[in-house]
């Protein structure tokens, strides 16, 4: 394919779980000859550094048009406040576009930034919505925001909401439905979300073999085929561990220390535990998890991020001494992709954030699901009930605590034995690798996306 150098504006939502996969996509666009301007806030510039250092400034430029204001600390009010804050860049972006000698021919922006569809329309350029999550999640959100669900029995949080217009008719208890459908910001969210399904094109960090039925469903819903599945979007796989371990920030412990510890363990004998960077376990959940890790006698790496639950738990006193060399605690950011790819890791206790889901699938590791909020319940449903790639460790949320004996048994069994889920996830690992190889479904979708963007210039 000829490199045309078409100029694209990429605008990630300012949260690491959204920025990282969009920067992984940006790297793919750069290697296919596009010119990219990445709109970021000053606080997120370090995440862009690995890309800037690998590519000529003629190919990629950062664009900083303003800072994010001080945001509330409560997760419930933080997201709407952050979303509203991004809209302050509407006029600065318009001015930048109109004064640029070679303005972008398209805007690729995160699905949280649905308002950029209106911006792109005003500027007369197409907007591509980027979903760092999967097409199943996109299908649920399309239905959810179009036909706002109602709980017929407000006293019953377990009342089930059905999505009959989505393939496989998934259903969820009311407490798992995003609270933003019923808060003061619901209309703002709704407008933002529905704009994604009106956009010129859509890109999912997923692959056809994983979510074919939902990708096809969304093409029907949107009435066109400009729906591309280009995942799993991962860092470059090479012996150069720098790109792998610095992606998303520097590790809280030197990466080589974690790898050396893993090198000393048997194949498939380690459980990796991580709940992402945004939400944390409660004190009671943390105590039960710690007790189960201790009793199960498995080797484990536990990545403990900042907890934001009201009674956020910390690791019990004396726990590290009691588990000794069986356990490795990382307080903060961990080099997750290299850890999951290591031969010693056999299971992954995950919150089911989509980046983690894809990294687990790409590594072929058995996942134990423990969703905490947002789209994580949707992802857990897909993994456990539809694809059979994972086992449910906890139904999730802050109110549910797994039974200690059951969790202990599950951890012990997760690194031994021949569960059918382990076989299936290893098969899906093969499909994930094929998708991003030459001639694979994601590579073809990516090439077609670049071709369509290049035609715009």
Protein backbone atom coordinates (compact mmCIF):
# COMPACT_ATOMS: atom_id res chain seq x y z
CA UNK A 1 0.00 0.00 0.00
CA UNK A 2 1.38 3.40 -0.89
CA UNK A 3 2.11 5.79 1.99
CA UNK A 4 0.08 8.93 1.40
CA UNK A 5 0.94 10.76 4.59
CA UNK A 6 -2.69 11.84 5.18
CA UNK A 7 -2.82 13.99 8.33
CA UNK A 8 -5.07 12.71 11.19
CA UNK A 9 -5.93 14.30 14.56
CA UNK A 10 -6.01 11.68 17.36
CA UNK A 11 -7.76 12.70 20.58
CA UNK A 12 -7.66 10.16 23.46
CA UNK A 13 -9.82 10.50 26.58
CA UNK A 14 -7.50 11.54 29.45
CA UNK A 15 -7.32 8.25 31.39
CA UNK A 16 -4.49 5.73 31.03
CA UNK A 17 -6.80 2.81 30.12
CA UNK A 18 -8.09 4.90 27.19
CA UNK A 19 -4.84 6.61 26.15
CA UNK A 20 -2.66 3.46 25.99
CA UNK A 21 -4.68 1.50 23.38
CA UNK A 22 -5.25 4.63 21.26
CA UNK A 23 -1.48 5.28 21.27
CA UNK A 24 -0.96 1.61 20.28
CA UNK A 25 -3.32 2.29 17.33
CA UNK A 26 -1.43 5.54 16.57
CA UNK A 27 1.81 3.57 16.30
CA UNK A 28 0.14 1.30 13.73
CA UNK A 29 -1.09 4.34 11.74
CA UNK A 30 2.42 5.82 11.78
CA UNK A 31 4.02 2.61 10.51
CA UNK A 32 1.52 2.72 7.63
CA UNK A 33 2.67 6.18 6.59
CA UNK A 34 0.05 8.51 8.10
CA UNK A 35 0.96 11.80 9.74
CA UNK A 36 -0.56 12.17 13.21
CA UNK A 37 -1.17 15.02 15.64
CA UNK A 38 -2.05 13.73 19.12
CA UNK A 39 -4.12 16.05 21.29
CA UNK A 40 -3.11 15.53 24.93
CA UNK A 41 -3.20 17.33 28.26
CA UNK A 42 0.12 18.28 29.87
CA UNK A 43 -0.24 15.58 32.55
CA UNK A 44 -0.46 12.87 29.85
CA UNK A 45 2.52 13.98 27.74
CA UNK A 46 4.84 11.38 29.37
CA UNK A 47 2.66 8.57 27.97
CA UNK A 48 3.37 9.91 24.49
CA UNK A 49 7.14 9.97 25.03
CA UNK A 50 7.93 6.41 23.78
CA UNK A 51 6.17 7.18 20.45
CA UNK A 52 7.79 10.59 20.06
CA UNK A 53 11.25 9.11 20.63
CA UNK A 54 10.74 6.37 17.98
CA UNK A 55 9.26 8.48 15.15
CA UNK A 56 10.37 11.58 13.25
CA UNK A 57 8.73 14.84 14.30
CA UNK A 58 7.46 15.19 10.72
CA UNK A 59 5.27 12.10 11.37
CA UNK A 60 3.94 12.78 14.87
CA UNK A 61 3.40 15.93 16.88
CA UNK A 62 1.82 16.44 20.30
CA UNK A 63 -0.80 19.19 20.56
CA UNK A 64 -1.48 20.76 23.97
CA UNK A 65 -4.38 23.25 23.94
CA UNK A 66 -5.22 23.43 27.64
CA UNK A 67 -5.01 21.75 31.05
CA UNK A 68 -7.63 19.77 32.88
CA UNK A 69 -9.08 21.61 35.89
CA UNK A 70 -8.99 20.18 39.41
CA UNK A 71 -11.46 17.25 39.38
CA UNK A 72 -13.58 15.81 42.22
CA UNK A 73 -12.06 12.77 43.95
CA UNK A 74 -15.29 10.72 44.06
CA UNK A 75 -15.38 8.28 41.09
CA UNK A 76 -19.12 8.92 40.75
CA UNK A 77 -18.72 12.65 40.01
CA UNK A 78 -15.19 12.54 38.61
CA UNK A 79 -16.06 11.03 35.20
CA UNK A 80 -18.90 13.46 34.33
CA UNK A 81 -16.71 16.39 35.48
CA UNK A 82 -13.79 15.19 33.35
CA UNK A 83 -16.06 14.67 30.32
CA UNK A 84 -17.50 18.18 30.65
CA UNK A 85 -13.99 19.60 31.08
CA UNK A 86 -12.90 18.14 27.72
CA UNK A 87 -15.61 20.14 25.91
CA UNK A 88 -13.73 23.34 26.84
CA UNK A 89 -11.35 22.48 23.96
CA UNK A 90 -14.08 22.77 21.31
CA UNK A 91 -13.24 26.36 20.26
CA UNK A 92 -9.44 26.00 20.62
CA UNK A 93 -9.56 22.92 18.31
CA UNK A 94 -11.64 24.85 15.73
CA UNK A 95 -9.13 27.75 15.83
CA UNK A 96 -6.16 25.39 15.55
CA UNK A 97 -7.74 23.62 12.55
CA UNK A 98 -8.53 26.87 10.75
CA UNK A 99 -5.06 28.31 11.20
CA UNK A 100 -3.18 25.11 10.28
CA UNK A 101 -1.43 25.08 6.85
CA UNK A 102 -2.21 21.36 6.44
CA UNK A 103 -5.19 20.58 8.73
CA UNK A 104 -6.14 16.95 9.47
CA UNK A 105 -8.48 15.18 7.06
CA UNK A 106 -10.17 13.27 9.91
CA UNK A 107 -10.53 13.14 13.69
CA UNK A 108 -10.06 9.83 15.52
CA UNK A 109 -11.35 10.32 19.07
CA UNK A 110 -12.25 8.18 22.08
CA UNK A 111 -15.87 7.04 22.42
CA UNK A 112 -16.22 9.12 25.62
CA UNK A 113 -15.64 12.20 23.44
CA UNK A 114 -18.86 11.84 21.44
CA UNK A 115 -19.15 15.64 21.27
CA UNK A 116 -16.25 15.63 18.78
CA UNK A 117 -18.73 14.26 16.20
CA UNK A 118 -20.43 17.70 16.21
CA UNK A 119 -17.01 19.37 16.11
CA UNK A 120 -15.95 17.28 13.09
CA UNK A 121 -19.22 18.11 11.32
CA UNK A 122 -18.58 21.85 11.85
CA UNK A 123 -15.04 21.44 10.49
CA UNK A 124 -16.29 19.39 7.52
CA UNK A 125 -14.15 16.32 8.28
CA UNK A 126 -15.20 12.74 9.17
CA UNK A 127 -14.95 11.56 12.76
CA UNK A 128 -13.92 8.01 13.65
CA UNK A 129 -15.02 6.82 17.12
CA UNK A 130 -12.35 4.74 18.85
CA UNK A 131 -13.56 2.18 21.39
CA UNK A 132 -10.84 0.93 23.74
CA UNK A 133 -13.48 -1.68 24.60
CA UNK A 134 -15.13 -4.44 22.60
CA UNK A 135 -18.01 -4.68 20.14
CA UNK A 136 -20.21 -6.54 22.67
CA UNK A 137 -19.88 -3.55 24.99
CA UNK A 138 -20.60 -1.23 22.02
CA UNK A 139 -23.75 -3.24 21.20
CA UNK A 140 -25.00 -3.03 24.81
CA UNK A 141 -24.25 0.72 25.04
CA UNK A 142 -25.98 1.41 21.73
CA UNK A 143 -29.15 -0.30 23.03
CA UNK A 144 -28.84 1.10 26.55
CA UNK A 145 -28.48 4.77 25.61
CA UNK A 146 -30.99 4.64 22.76
CA UNK A 147 -33.77 3.05 24.85
CA UNK A 148 -32.93 4.11 28.42
CA UNK A 149 -33.86 1.12 30.63
CA UNK A 150 -36.17 1.55 33.63
CA UNK A 151 -36.22 -0.50 36.79
CA UNK A 152 -39.88 -1.50 37.27
CA UNK A 153 -39.21 -2.23 40.93
CA UNK A 154 -36.92 0.48 42.35
CA UNK A 155 -36.70 -1.38 45.68
CA UNK A 156 -35.10 -4.37 43.94
CA UNK A 157 -31.52 -3.77 42.76
CA UNK A 158 -31.45 -7.35 41.42
CA UNK A 159 -34.31 -6.72 39.00
CA UNK A 160 -33.07 -7.96 35.61
CA UNK A 161 -32.77 -5.71 32.57
CA UNK A 162 -32.91 -7.54 29.21
CA UNK A 163 -31.27 -6.39 25.97
CA UNK A 164 -33.49 -8.33 23.58
CA UNK A 165 -32.28 -6.40 20.50
CA UNK A 166 -28.65 -7.48 21.08
CA UNK A 167 -27.54 -10.95 19.83
CA UNK A 168 -27.80 -13.63 22.55
CA UNK A 169 -30.27 -11.37 24.49
CA UNK A 170 -27.93 -10.59 27.41
CA UNK A 171 -29.42 -9.57 30.75
CA UNK A 172 -28.01 -7.79 33.81
CA UNK A 173 -29.27 -7.04 37.32
CA UNK A 174 -30.13 -3.35 37.78
CA UNK A 175 -27.15 -2.74 40.09
CA UNK A 176 -24.78 -3.59 37.21
CA UNK A 177 -26.34 -1.01 34.85
CA UNK A 178 -24.23 2.15 34.65
CA UNK A 179 -25.47 4.67 37.24
CA UNK A 180 -25.05 7.45 34.66
CA UNK A 181 -28.34 6.46 32.98
CA UNK A 182 -30.22 7.77 36.00
CA UNK A 183 -28.07 10.58 37.39
CA UNK A 184 -28.21 14.34 36.80
CA UNK A 185 -25.76 13.92 33.90
CA UNK A 186 -27.75 11.25 32.04
CA UNK A 187 -28.82 13.52 29.14
CA UNK A 188 -25.24 14.76 28.64
CA UNK A 189 -23.94 11.16 28.63
CA UNK A 190 -26.72 10.04 26.31
CA UNK A 191 -25.98 12.72 23.71
CA UNK A 192 -22.27 11.90 23.89
CA UNK A 193 -22.76 8.14 23.57
CA UNK A 194 -25.34 8.21 20.76
CA UNK A 195 -23.08 10.50 18.70
CA UNK A 196 -20.67 7.55 18.42
CA UNK A 197 -23.21 5.57 16.42
CA UNK A 198 -23.72 8.50 14.03
CA UNK A 199 -20.00 8.89 13.39
CA UNK A 200 -18.51 8.24 9.93
CA UNK A 201 -16.55 5.24 11.18
CA UNK A 202 -15.85 3.14 14.28
CA UNK A 203 -12.73 1.31 15.42
CA UNK A 204 -12.79 -1.39 18.11
CA UNK A 205 -9.83 -2.73 20.03
CA UNK A 206 -11.02 -6.28 19.36
CA UNK A 207 -10.74 -8.95 16.67
CA UNK A 208 -13.27 -10.67 14.44
CA UNK A 209 -12.70 -14.19 15.78
CA UNK A 210 -13.51 -13.01 19.32
CA UNK A 211 -16.61 -10.88 18.61
CA UNK A 212 -17.80 -11.56 15.05
CA UNK A 213 -21.52 -11.65 15.95
CA UNK A 214 -21.37 -8.19 17.62
CA UNK A 215 -19.23 -6.57 14.92
CA UNK A 216 -21.78 -7.75 12.32
CA UNK A 217 -24.64 -6.54 14.53
CA UNK A 218 -23.15 -3.03 14.79
CA UNK A 219 -22.60 -2.82 11.02
CA UNK A 220 -26.33 -3.51 10.62
CA UNK A 221 -27.26 -1.01 13.35
CA UNK A 222 -25.12 1.74 11.81
CA UNK A 223 -26.13 0.95 8.26
CA UNK A 224 -22.58 0.80 6.84
CA UNK A 225 -19.41 -1.31 6.91
CA UNK A 226 -17.01 1.31 8.30
CA UNK A 227 -16.64 -0.70 11.51
CA UNK A 228 -13.10 -1.98 11.98
CA UNK A 229 -11.79 -4.46 14.56
CA UNK A 230 -8.03 -3.88 14.77
CA UNK A 231 -7.03 -5.59 18.03
CA UNK A 232 -5.62 -6.83 20.18
CA UNK A 233 -3.69 -3.54 20.27
CA UNK A 234 -0.51 -4.45 22.13
CA UNK A 235 2.97 -2.97 22.47
CA UNK A 236 5.52 -4.06 19.85
CA UNK A 237 6.55 -7.64 20.57
CA UNK A 238 10.32 -7.68 20.57
CA UNK A 239 13.21 -8.54 22.81
CA UNK A 240 13.41 -4.84 23.58
CA UNK A 241 11.69 -4.91 26.98
CA UNK A 242 11.81 -1.08 27.17
CA UNK A 243 8.74 -0.61 25.00
CA UNK A 244 6.91 -3.33 26.89
CA UNK A 245 7.67 -2.23 30.42
CA UNK A 246 7.36 1.54 29.94
CA UNK A 247 4.02 1.44 28.16
CA UNK A 248 1.55 3.28 30.37
CA UNK A 249 4.19 4.54 32.78
CA UNK A 250 7.25 3.25 34.57
CA UNK A 251 6.83 0.16 36.71
CA UNK A 252 6.62 0.56 40.49
CA UNK A 253 9.38 -2.08 40.79
CA UNK A 254 12.19 -2.65 38.28
CA UNK A 255 10.78 -4.96 35.59
CA UNK A 256 13.86 -7.21 35.69
CA UNK A 257 13.16 -7.97 39.40
CA UNK A 258 9.67 -9.28 38.59
CA UNK A 259 11.01 -11.28 35.62
CA UNK A 260 13.86 -12.79 37.67
CA UNK A 261 11.36 -13.87 40.35
CA UNK A 262 9.13 -15.43 37.65
CA UNK A 263 12.14 -17.18 36.06
CA UNK A 264 12.51 -19.16 39.30
CA UNK A 265 8.94 -20.56 39.14
CA UNK A 266 7.57 -23.61 37.33
CA UNK A 267 5.50 -23.24 34.14
CA UNK A 268 1.85 -22.26 34.76
CA UNK A 269 2.37 -22.12 38.54
CA UNK A 270 1.82 -18.39 39.22
CA UNK A 271 -1.45 -16.47 39.68
CA UNK A 272 -1.25 -12.81 38.62
CA UNK A 273 -3.72 -10.56 40.51
CA UNK A 274 -4.54 -7.05 39.27
CA UNK A 275 -7.66 -4.88 39.43
CA UNK A 276 -6.54 -2.10 37.10
CA UNK A 277 -5.66 1.48 37.90
CA UNK A 278 -9.06 3.01 38.66
CA UNK A 279 -11.11 1.00 41.14
CA UNK A 280 -10.09 -0.88 44.25
CA UNK A 281 -11.36 -3.63 46.54
CA UNK A 282 -13.07 -2.88 49.85
CA UNK A 283 -11.35 -3.80 53.12
CA UNK A 284 -13.42 -7.01 53.50
CA UNK A 285 -12.75 -8.07 49.87
CA UNK A 286 -9.01 -7.44 50.34
CA UNK A 287 -8.95 -9.53 53.54
CA UNK A 288 -10.72 -12.48 51.85
CA UNK A 289 -8.44 -12.32 48.78
CA UNK A 290 -5.32 -12.20 50.98
CA UNK A 291 -6.56 -15.15 53.08
CA UNK A 292 -7.37 -17.17 49.95
CA UNK A 293 -3.93 -16.49 48.41
CA UNK A 294 -2.33 -17.55 51.70
CA UNK A 295 -4.40 -20.74 52.14
CA UNK A 296 -4.27 -21.87 48.51
CA UNK A 297 -0.45 -22.05 48.69
CA UNK A 298 -0.14 -20.83 45.08
CA UNK A 299 2.70 -18.63 43.85
CA UNK A 300 1.33 -15.16 43.04
CA UNK A 301 2.08 -11.61 41.93
CA UNK A 302 -0.36 -9.12 43.46
CA UNK A 303 -0.44 -5.69 41.88
CA UNK A 304 -1.95 -3.34 44.48
CA UNK A 305 -2.97 -0.01 42.95
CA UNK A 306 -4.37 2.97 44.88
CA UNK A 307 -7.71 1.89 46.34
CA UNK A 308 -10.59 4.32 45.96
CA UNK A 309 -13.44 2.35 47.54
CA UNK A 310 -14.72 4.28 50.59
CA UNK A 311 -13.25 1.68 52.93
CA UNK A 312 -10.44 0.71 50.59
CA UNK A 313 -8.45 -2.24 51.85
CA UNK A 314 -4.72 -2.57 52.30
CA UNK A 315 -2.72 -5.80 52.57
CA UNK A 316 -3.15 -7.31 56.08
CA UNK A 317 -0.29 -6.97 58.57
CA UNK A 318 2.18 -9.84 58.48
CA UNK A 319 0.80 -11.20 55.18
CA UNK A 320 4.03 -10.74 53.22
CA UNK A 321 6.13 -12.43 55.90
CA UNK A 322 3.76 -15.40 56.07
CA UNK A 323 3.70 -16.06 52.30
CA UNK A 324 7.44 -15.52 51.91
CA UNK A 325 8.88 -16.16 48.44
CA UNK A 326 5.51 -17.53 47.19
CA UNK A 327 4.28 -13.96 46.78
CA UNK A 328 5.53 -10.85 44.98
CA UNK A 329 3.72 -7.58 45.79
CA UNK A 330 3.82 -4.65 43.35
CA UNK A 331 2.52 -1.40 44.87
CA UNK A 332 1.56 0.68 41.83
CA UNK A 333 2.01 0.17 38.10
CA UNK A 334 3.22 -3.28 36.93
CA UNK A 335 4.61 -4.37 33.54
CA UNK A 336 1.46 -6.42 32.89
CA UNK A 337 2.05 -7.57 29.29
CA UNK A 338 5.48 -9.15 29.99
CA UNK A 339 4.16 -10.70 33.24
CA UNK A 340 1.16 -12.34 31.52
CA UNK A 341 3.38 -13.52 28.65
CA UNK A 342 5.82 -15.27 31.00
CA UNK A 343 5.73 -19.09 30.87
CA UNK A 344 5.33 -19.26 34.69
CA UNK A 345 1.99 -17.39 34.77
CA UNK A 346 -0.97 -19.75 34.55
CA UNK A 347 -3.91 -17.69 35.83
CA UNK A 348 -5.03 -14.06 36.05
CA UNK A 349 -7.46 -12.66 38.64
CA UNK A 350 -8.82 -9.66 36.73
CA UNK A 351 -11.37 -6.83 37.09
CA UNK A 352 -12.18 -7.43 33.39
CA UNK A 353 -11.20 -4.01 32.11
CA UNK A 354 -11.00 -4.55 28.34
CA UNK A 355 -7.25 -3.87 28.03
CA UNK A 356 -6.62 -6.56 30.66
CA UNK A 357 -9.09 -8.94 28.98
CA UNK A 358 -7.27 -8.68 25.64
CA UNK A 359 -3.86 -8.96 27.27
CA UNK A 360 -5.05 -12.10 29.07
CA UNK A 361 -6.47 -13.58 25.85
CA UNK A 362 -3.31 -12.72 23.87
CA UNK A 363 -1.23 -14.49 26.55
CA UNK A 364 -3.57 -17.51 26.61
CA UNK A 365 -3.90 -17.33 30.40
CA UNK A 366 -6.93 -18.68 32.31
CA UNK A 367 -8.84 -15.69 33.72
CA UNK A 368 -10.74 -15.53 37.01
CA UNK A 369 -13.24 -12.68 36.71
CA UNK A 370 -13.94 -10.16 39.48
CA UNK A 371 -15.53 -7.05 37.88
CA UNK A 372 -15.76 -3.86 39.95
CA UNK A 373 -17.79 -1.44 37.82
CA UNK A 374 -18.34 0.28 34.45
CA UNK A 375 -18.24 -2.06 31.41
CA UNK A 376 -16.46 -4.77 33.42
CA UNK A 377 -19.72 -6.69 34.10
CA UNK A 378 -20.37 -6.77 30.33
CA UNK A 379 -16.84 -8.07 29.68
CA UNK A 380 -17.13 -10.73 32.41
CA UNK A 381 -20.44 -11.90 30.93
CA UNK A 382 -18.80 -12.26 27.49
CA UNK A 383 -15.77 -14.16 28.86
CA UNK A 384 -17.60 -16.55 31.20
CA UNK A 385 -21.11 -17.08 29.83
CA UNK A 386 -20.64 -16.66 26.09
CA UNK A 387 -17.07 -17.56 25.18
CA UNK A 388 -16.16 -19.95 28.03
CA UNK A 389 -12.67 -18.42 28.32
CA UNK A 390 -12.83 -17.60 32.04
CA UNK A 391 -14.19 -18.67 35.44
CA UNK A 392 -16.22 -16.39 37.73
CA UNK A 393 -14.33 -15.58 40.96
CA UNK A 394 -16.82 -12.96 42.18
CA UNK A 395 -19.97 -11.40 40.67
CA UNK A 396 -18.38 -8.08 41.57
CA UNK A 397 -19.32 -4.67 42.85
CA UNK A 398 -18.49 -3.38 46.32
CA UNK A 399 -21.28 -5.31 48.04
CA UNK A 400 -20.25 -8.85 47.04
CA UNK A 401 -17.47 -10.79 48.75
CA UNK A 402 -16.43 -14.24 47.50
CA UNK A 403 -16.75 -17.17 49.93
CA UNK A 404 -13.26 -17.83 51.32
CA UNK A 405 -13.28 -21.64 50.87
CA UNK A 406 -14.55 -21.37 47.31
CA UNK A 407 -12.02 -18.69 46.30
CA UNK A 408 -9.18 -20.70 47.90
CA UNK A 409 -10.22 -23.80 45.89
CA UNK A 410 -10.53 -21.78 42.68
CA UNK A 411 -7.03 -20.26 43.07
CA UNK A 412 -5.46 -23.66 43.81
CA UNK A 413 -7.20 -25.26 40.80
CA UNK A 414 -6.47 -22.36 38.44
CA UNK A 415 -2.79 -23.24 38.08
CA UNK A 416 -3.19 -26.99 37.85
CA UNK A 417 -5.51 -29.43 36.18
CA UNK A 418 -7.13 -29.24 32.78
CA UNK A 419 -10.11 -26.91 32.96
CA UNK A 420 -11.92 -26.60 29.59
CA UNK A 421 -11.61 -22.78 29.88
CA UNK A 422 -7.81 -23.10 29.82
CA UNK A 423 -7.95 -25.09 26.59
CA UNK A 424 -10.34 -22.58 25.01
CA UNK A 425 -8.31 -19.51 26.00
CA UNK A 426 -5.17 -21.10 24.53
CA UNK A 427 -7.08 -21.65 21.25
CA UNK A 428 -8.23 -18.01 21.33
CA UNK A 429 -4.61 -16.92 21.89
CA UNK A 430 -3.82 -18.54 18.53
CA UNK A 431 -6.72 -16.67 16.90
CA UNK A 432 -5.55 -13.38 18.46
CA UNK A 433 -2.03 -13.88 17.10
CA UNK A 434 -3.31 -14.80 13.66
CA UNK A 435 -5.56 -11.71 13.61
CA UNK A 436 -2.61 -9.33 13.96
CA UNK A 437 -0.24 -11.26 11.71
CA UNK A 438 0.20 -10.54 8.00
CA UNK A 439 -3.08 -11.32 6.23
CA UNK A 440 -5.00 -11.66 9.53
CA UNK A 441 -8.45 -10.13 10.12
CA UNK A 442 -7.20 -7.20 12.25
CA UNK A 443 -4.33 -6.44 9.88
CA UNK A 444 -6.78 -6.37 6.94
CA UNK A 445 -9.16 -4.07 8.88
CA UNK A 446 -6.28 -1.77 9.81
CA UNK A 447 -5.07 -1.59 6.19
CA UNK A 448 -8.60 -0.80 5.02
CA UNK A 449 -9.00 1.92 7.68
CA UNK A 450 -5.73 3.54 6.53
CA UNK A 451 -6.80 3.26 2.91
CA UNK A 452 -10.15 4.99 3.63
CA UNK A 453 -8.42 7.75 5.64
CA UNK A 454 -5.83 8.21 2.88
CA UNK A 455 -8.58 8.60 0.27
CA UNK A 456 -9.92 11.58 2.25
CA UNK A 457 -6.81 13.62 1.50
